[in-house]
Amino acid sequence: DIYWNDPDVLCISMHQDGRTLYPGTGFIDDFGGPNALGATINIPLPPRTSDEGFLFVLDNAILPMLDEFKPEIIINSAGQDNHYSDPITNMNFSAQGYALLNEKLSPDIAVLEGGYSIEKALPYVNVGIILAMAGLDYSQVREPDYDAQQIRQSPEVTRLIENEVKNLMTLWKKKKNLKKQITGSAAYIRREKNIYYDTDDITERQIETVRVCNDCGGVVMIESAADTGKKIYAVILPNSCCPECRESGEAFFNRVNGSQYNHIYFQDRQKDVFIVK
């Protein structure tokens, strides 16, 4: 969500299909905000996807997208939940697969993130990633129980992945024509969502309103209400904020009724300013 409305950051996620795993999100049509269509890419993969499937997606979707987007910097958010030994997911990625992905992706930075197989996966995956990024041989990095045949994906999984990539690339090629189709003549686009925070047993209802703009990511207004009774309102100006969106955002912030909310926030990402009232 941080980059949902930012056309200058391409955020790509490969993950287990949300229909088979909590929280049930991250589908192919979750494609970015109205001014940033195609800047958020979700690639849901079927359970039991192995190295073969992840690398197919990399070669046939992610790398072509990066070639077109031409990023100044590439960051690999190297979550390890997709490892075959992870107790929560149902995927079949291995340390060798992670390492080869990093070699091909050639990121500037890799952030070693989540994963719940602390002893069986993380030590081997982390070493593979580091060696690959250093340009060193990682061919001997293997988990003690690694069996390439046992974790090999089925022909049906391969077929599903190939079809998913085909649909994704069709959508990617249409991204410049989708805006008018989605926004029509609307000046603002609104989306609503409910979020449950299980650690604190709080349910949030969030309403996000974005100004349709052809010059920047658009000013964003967020109204959030929790079932605890707390309410907040936030106005966010994007990094590349145009004069019209700045004027609209400042007007929204100045006229919002403070008595309706516990806190009101104004974030100007362009000028690095944060105001609370």
Protein backbone atom coordinates (compact mmCIF):
# COMPACT_ATOMS: atom_id res chain seq x y z
CA ASP A 1 0.00 0.00 0.00
CA ILE A 2 2.91 2.39 0.56
CA TYR A 3 3.56 2.56 -3.19
CA TRP A 4 0.02 1.85 -4.43
CA ASN A 5 -0.38 5.41 -5.72
CA ASP A 6 3.26 6.05 -6.67
CA PRO A 7 3.97 5.79 -10.43
CA ASP A 8 7.72 6.23 -9.83
CA VAL A 9 8.20 2.99 -7.87
CA LEU A 10 7.61 -0.41 -9.46
CA CYS A 11 6.63 -2.84 -6.70
CA ILE A 12 6.49 -6.52 -7.74
CA SER A 13 5.42 -9.39 -5.49
CA MET A 14 5.59 -13.14 -6.16
CA HIS A 15 3.65 -15.09 -3.55
CA GLN A 16 1.35 -18.03 -2.91
CA ASP A 17 -2.13 -17.55 -4.35
CA GLY A 18 -4.26 -15.62 -1.85
CA ARG A 19 -7.14 -18.05 -2.35
CA THR A 20 -5.06 -20.67 -0.54
CA LEU A 21 -3.40 -18.61 2.20
CA TYR A 22 -4.10 -15.81 4.70
CA PRO A 23 -4.69 -12.88 4.25
CA GLY A 24 -6.28 -13.71 0.89
CA THR A 25 -4.91 -10.74 -1.07
CA GLY A 26 -2.41 -9.98 -3.84
CA PHE A 27 -4.26 -10.86 -7.03
CA ILE A 28 -3.25 -10.01 -10.58
CA ASP A 29 -5.84 -7.24 -10.91
CA ASP A 30 -4.43 -5.47 -7.84
CA PHE A 31 -2.52 -3.31 -10.29
CA GLY A 32 -1.94 0.05 -8.59
CA GLY A 33 -3.87 3.26 -7.97
CA PRO A 34 -5.63 5.27 -10.70
CA ASN A 35 -2.52 7.36 -11.43
CA ALA A 36 -0.07 4.48 -10.99
CA LEU A 37 -1.58 1.59 -12.92
CA GLY A 38 1.06 -1.05 -13.57
CA ALA A 39 3.37 0.23 -10.83
CA THR A 40 2.09 -2.44 -8.45
CA ILE A 41 2.42 -5.98 -9.77
CA ASN A 42 1.04 -9.01 -7.96
CA ILE A 43 1.94 -12.49 -9.20
CA PRO A 44 -0.03 -15.14 -7.28
CA LEU A 45 1.44 -18.61 -7.74
CA PRO A 46 -0.21 -21.98 -7.08
CA PRO A 47 0.81 -24.10 -4.09
CA ARG A 48 3.81 -26.38 -4.75
CA THR A 49 5.48 -23.91 -7.10
CA SER A 50 9.18 -24.84 -7.19
CA ASP A 51 12.40 -23.23 -8.42
CA GLU A 52 11.30 -23.85 -12.00
CA GLY A 53 8.13 -21.80 -11.57
CA PHE A 54 9.69 -18.86 -9.74
CA LEU A 55 12.48 -18.60 -12.29
CA PHE A 56 10.01 -18.84 -15.18
CA VAL A 57 8.14 -15.84 -13.77
CA LEU A 58 11.42 -13.97 -13.32
CA ASP A 59 12.56 -14.61 -16.90
CA ASN A 60 9.24 -14.08 -18.65
CA ALA A 61 7.59 -11.34 -16.60
CA ILE A 62 9.76 -9.58 -14.04
CA LEU A 63 12.92 -9.03 -16.09
CA PRO A 64 10.99 -7.76 -19.16
CA MET A 65 9.09 -5.35 -16.89
CA LEU A 66 12.33 -4.08 -15.38
CA ASP A 67 13.82 -3.61 -18.85
CA GLU A 68 10.87 -1.39 -19.75
CA PHE A 69 10.63 0.47 -16.42
CA LYS A 70 14.41 1.08 -16.21
CA PRO A 71 14.70 1.53 -12.43
CA GLU A 72 17.58 3.51 -10.94
CA ILE A 73 17.91 0.97 -8.13
CA ILE A 74 16.63 -2.58 -7.57
CA ILE A 75 15.85 -3.85 -4.07
CA ASN A 76 15.08 -7.51 -3.49
CA SER A 77 12.76 -7.91 -0.53
CA ALA A 78 13.96 -11.46 0.04
CA GLY A 79 11.16 -12.98 2.09
CA GLN A 80 11.75 -16.70 2.61
CA ASP A 81 8.20 -17.85 3.30
CA ASN A 82 8.20 -19.64 -0.07
CA HIS A 83 10.82 -22.20 1.02
CA TYR A 84 9.73 -25.82 0.81
CA SER A 85 10.23 -26.36 4.55
CA ASP A 86 8.23 -23.32 5.70
CA PRO A 87 5.50 -24.45 8.14
CA ILE A 88 2.93 -21.85 7.04
CA THR A 89 3.08 -21.76 3.25
CA ASN A 90 2.82 -24.58 0.70
CA MET A 91 5.56 -23.67 -1.77
CA ASN A 92 8.68 -25.54 -2.94
CA PHE A 93 11.39 -22.90 -3.43
CA SER A 94 14.93 -23.94 -2.42
CA ALA A 95 18.17 -22.21 -1.43
CA GLN A 96 19.54 -22.92 -4.92
CA GLY A 97 16.47 -21.29 -6.45
CA TYR A 98 16.75 -18.21 -4.24
CA ALA A 99 20.44 -17.85 -5.11
CA LEU A 100 19.89 -18.20 -8.86
CA LEU A 101 17.03 -15.71 -8.72
CA ASN A 102 19.36 -13.19 -7.07
CA GLU A 103 22.08 -13.82 -9.62
CA LYS A 104 19.65 -13.17 -12.49
CA LEU A 105 17.90 -10.23 -10.82
CA SER A 106 21.22 -8.63 -9.85
CA PRO A 107 19.71 -6.33 -7.21
CA ASP A 108 21.58 -3.41 -5.68
CA ILE A 109 20.26 -4.36 -2.24
CA ALA A 110 18.71 -7.52 -0.79
CA VAL A 111 16.72 -7.22 2.43
CA LEU A 112 16.59 -10.53 4.28
CA GLU A 113 13.00 -10.64 5.50
CA GLY A 114 10.45 -13.14 6.82
CA GLY A 115 10.26 -16.89 6.83
CA TYR A 116 9.33 -19.32 9.57
CA SER A 117 11.65 -22.25 8.94
CA ILE A 118 14.39 -20.84 11.14
CA GLU A 119 16.78 -23.81 11.09
CA LYS A 120 15.91 -25.68 7.90
CA ALA A 121 15.72 -22.76 5.47
CA LEU A 122 17.07 -19.41 6.60
CA PRO A 123 20.78 -20.31 7.07
CA TYR A 124 21.03 -21.87 3.61
CA VAL A 125 18.89 -19.34 1.76
CA ASN A 126 20.74 -16.41 3.32
CA VAL A 127 24.15 -17.85 2.40
CA GLY A 128 22.97 -18.53 -1.16
CA ILE A 129 21.66 -14.99 -1.57
CA ILE A 130 24.84 -13.42 -0.19
CA LEU A 131 27.16 -15.54 -2.34
CA ALA A 132 25.11 -14.83 -5.47
CA MET A 133 25.19 -11.09 -4.85
CA ALA A 134 28.94 -11.24 -4.23
CA GLY A 135 29.48 -13.07 -7.51
CA LEU A 136 30.79 -16.16 -5.71
CA ASP A 137 30.06 -19.84 -6.31
CA TYR A 138 26.92 -21.00 -4.52
CA SER A 139 26.56 -24.41 -6.21
CA GLN A 140 27.34 -26.31 -2.99
CA VAL A 141 24.77 -24.49 -0.86
CA ARG A 142 22.08 -27.06 -0.16
CA GLU A 143 19.75 -27.89 2.67
CA PRO A 144 20.54 -31.25 4.37
CA ASP A 145 17.18 -32.68 3.26
CA TYR A 146 17.21 -31.15 -0.25
CA ASP A 147 15.78 -33.48 -2.91
CA ALA A 148 15.24 -31.83 -6.29
CA GLN A 149 12.87 -34.53 -7.51
CA GLN A 150 10.74 -34.48 -4.39
CA ILE A 151 10.03 -30.75 -4.62
CA ARG A 152 9.71 -30.61 -8.40
CA GLN A 153 6.46 -28.95 -9.48
CA SER A 154 3.81 -30.89 -11.39
CA PRO A 155 2.91 -30.28 -15.06
CA GLU A 156 -0.41 -28.82 -13.87
CA VAL A 157 1.39 -26.24 -11.72
CA THR A 158 3.62 -25.38 -14.68
CA ARG A 159 0.56 -24.89 -16.89
CA LEU A 160 -1.12 -22.62 -14.33
CA ILE A 161 2.02 -20.48 -13.99
CA GLU A 162 2.46 -20.13 -17.74
CA ASN A 163 -1.16 -19.03 -18.07
CA GLU A 164 -0.78 -16.55 -15.19
CA VAL A 165 2.28 -14.97 -16.81
CA LYS A 166 0.48 -14.74 -20.15
CA ASN A 167 -2.47 -12.92 -18.54
CA LEU A 168 -0.17 -10.65 -16.55
CA MET A 169 1.88 -9.58 -19.57
CA THR A 170 -1.32 -8.89 -21.53
CA LEU A 171 -2.44 -6.61 -18.69
CA TRP A 172 1.02 -5.00 -18.50
CA LYS A 173 0.95 -4.10 -22.19
CA LYS A 174 -2.47 -2.46 -21.76
CA LYS A 175 -1.57 -0.44 -18.67
CA LYS A 176 -1.39 2.94 -20.44
CA ASN A 177 -4.91 2.51 -21.79
CA LEU A 178 -6.51 1.36 -18.54
CA LYS A 179 -6.70 4.71 -16.78
CA LYS A 180 -9.54 6.17 -18.84
CA GLN A 181 -11.40 2.88 -18.64
CA ILE A 182 -11.13 2.79 -14.84
CA THR A 183 -11.57 6.46 -13.96
CA GLY A 184 -13.98 7.59 -16.69
CA SER A 185 -14.86 11.23 -16.04
CA ALA A 186 -14.40 10.99 -12.26
CA ALA A 187 -12.30 13.65 -10.54
CA TYR A 188 -11.63 11.38 -7.55
CA ILE A 189 -11.45 7.61 -7.12
CA ARG A 190 -12.38 5.98 -3.83
CA ARG A 191 -11.62 2.54 -2.43
CA GLU A 192 -12.68 1.03 0.87
CA LYS A 193 -11.17 -1.81 2.86
CA ASN A 194 -11.48 -3.49 6.21
CA ILE A 195 -8.30 -4.55 8.01
CA TYR A 196 -8.09 -6.82 11.05
CA TYR A 197 -5.00 -6.49 13.25
CA ASP A 198 -4.84 -9.84 15.01
CA THR A 199 -2.07 -8.85 17.44
CA ASP A 200 -4.26 -6.14 19.01
CA ASP A 201 -7.74 -7.45 18.09
CA ILE A 202 -8.61 -4.22 16.26
CA THR A 203 -10.70 -3.91 13.11
CA GLU A 204 -10.11 -0.84 10.94
CA ARG A 205 -12.37 0.53 8.23
CA GLN A 206 -10.34 2.63 5.81
CA ILE A 207 -11.57 4.90 3.02
CA GLU A 208 -8.94 6.13 0.56
CA THR A 209 -9.73 8.91 -1.91
CA VAL A 210 -7.28 9.80 -4.70
CA ARG A 211 -7.44 12.79 -7.03
CA VAL A 212 -7.27 11.67 -10.67
CA CYS A 213 -4.23 13.43 -12.14
CA ASN A 214 -2.17 13.17 -15.32
CA ASP A 215 0.85 14.97 -13.86
CA CYS A 216 1.64 13.13 -10.60
CA GLY A 217 0.54 10.29 -8.34
CA GLY A 218 -2.33 12.39 -7.04
CA VAL A 219 -3.12 13.76 -3.60
CA VAL A 220 -4.41 11.01 -1.29
CA MET A 221 -6.94 11.43 1.51
CA ILE A 222 -7.37 8.60 4.02
CA GLU A 223 -10.15 8.36 6.57
CA SER A 224 -9.65 5.59 9.11
CA ALA A 225 -11.99 4.40 11.86
CA ALA A 226 -11.25 1.60 14.32
CA ASP A 227 -13.82 -0.42 16.23
CA THR A 228 -12.28 1.07 19.38
CA GLY A 229 -13.98 4.36 18.46
CA LYS A 230 -10.81 6.16 17.37
CA LYS A 231 -10.86 8.04 14.04
CA ILE A 232 -8.11 9.76 12.04
CA TYR A 233 -7.89 11.68 8.79
CA ALA A 234 -4.75 12.03 6.68
CA VAL A 235 -3.78 14.04 3.60
CA ILE A 236 -0.73 12.83 1.66
CA LEU A 237 1.01 14.80 -1.08
CA PRO A 238 3.12 12.58 -3.40
CA ASN A 239 6.84 12.97 -4.11
CA SER A 240 6.22 14.47 -7.54
CA CYS A 241 3.22 16.53 -6.43
CA CYS A 242 1.85 18.90 -9.09
CA PRO A 243 0.54 22.41 -8.20
CA GLU A 244 -3.11 21.36 -8.61
CA CYS A 245 -2.80 18.38 -6.27
CA ARG A 246 -0.90 20.50 -3.74
CA GLU A 247 -3.65 23.11 -3.77
CA SER A 248 -6.34 20.44 -3.39
CA GLY A 249 -4.50 18.67 -0.58
CA GLU A 250 -3.86 21.84 1.41
CA ALA A 251 -7.51 22.83 1.00
CA PHE A 252 -8.71 19.44 2.28
CA PHE A 253 -6.39 19.65 5.28
CA ASN A 254 -7.40 23.20 6.18
CA ARG A 255 -11.15 22.63 6.04
CA VAL A 256 -11.46 19.19 7.63
CA ASN A 257 -13.56 19.27 10.80
CA GLY A 258 -11.19 18.53 13.65
CA SER A 259 -13.98 17.67 16.09
CA GLN A 260 -14.77 14.50 14.11
CA TYR A 261 -11.30 12.95 14.49
CA ASN A 262 -8.81 12.10 17.21
CA HIS A 263 -5.93 13.14 14.96
CA ILE A 264 -5.53 14.85 11.58
CA TYR A 265 -2.29 14.37 9.64
CA PHE A 266 -0.69 16.17 6.71
CA GLN A 267 2.27 14.50 4.98
CA ASP A 268 4.11 16.40 2.25
CA ARG A 269 6.49 13.82 0.80
CA GLN A 270 7.82 16.30 -1.75
CA LYS A 271 8.97 18.81 0.89
CA ASP A 272 9.51 16.24 3.68
CA VAL A 273 6.99 17.94 5.98
CA PHE A 274 4.71 16.21 8.50
CA ILE A 275 2.02 18.11 10.43
CA VAL A 276 -0.40 16.88 13.11
CA LYS A 277 -3.40 18.82 14.35
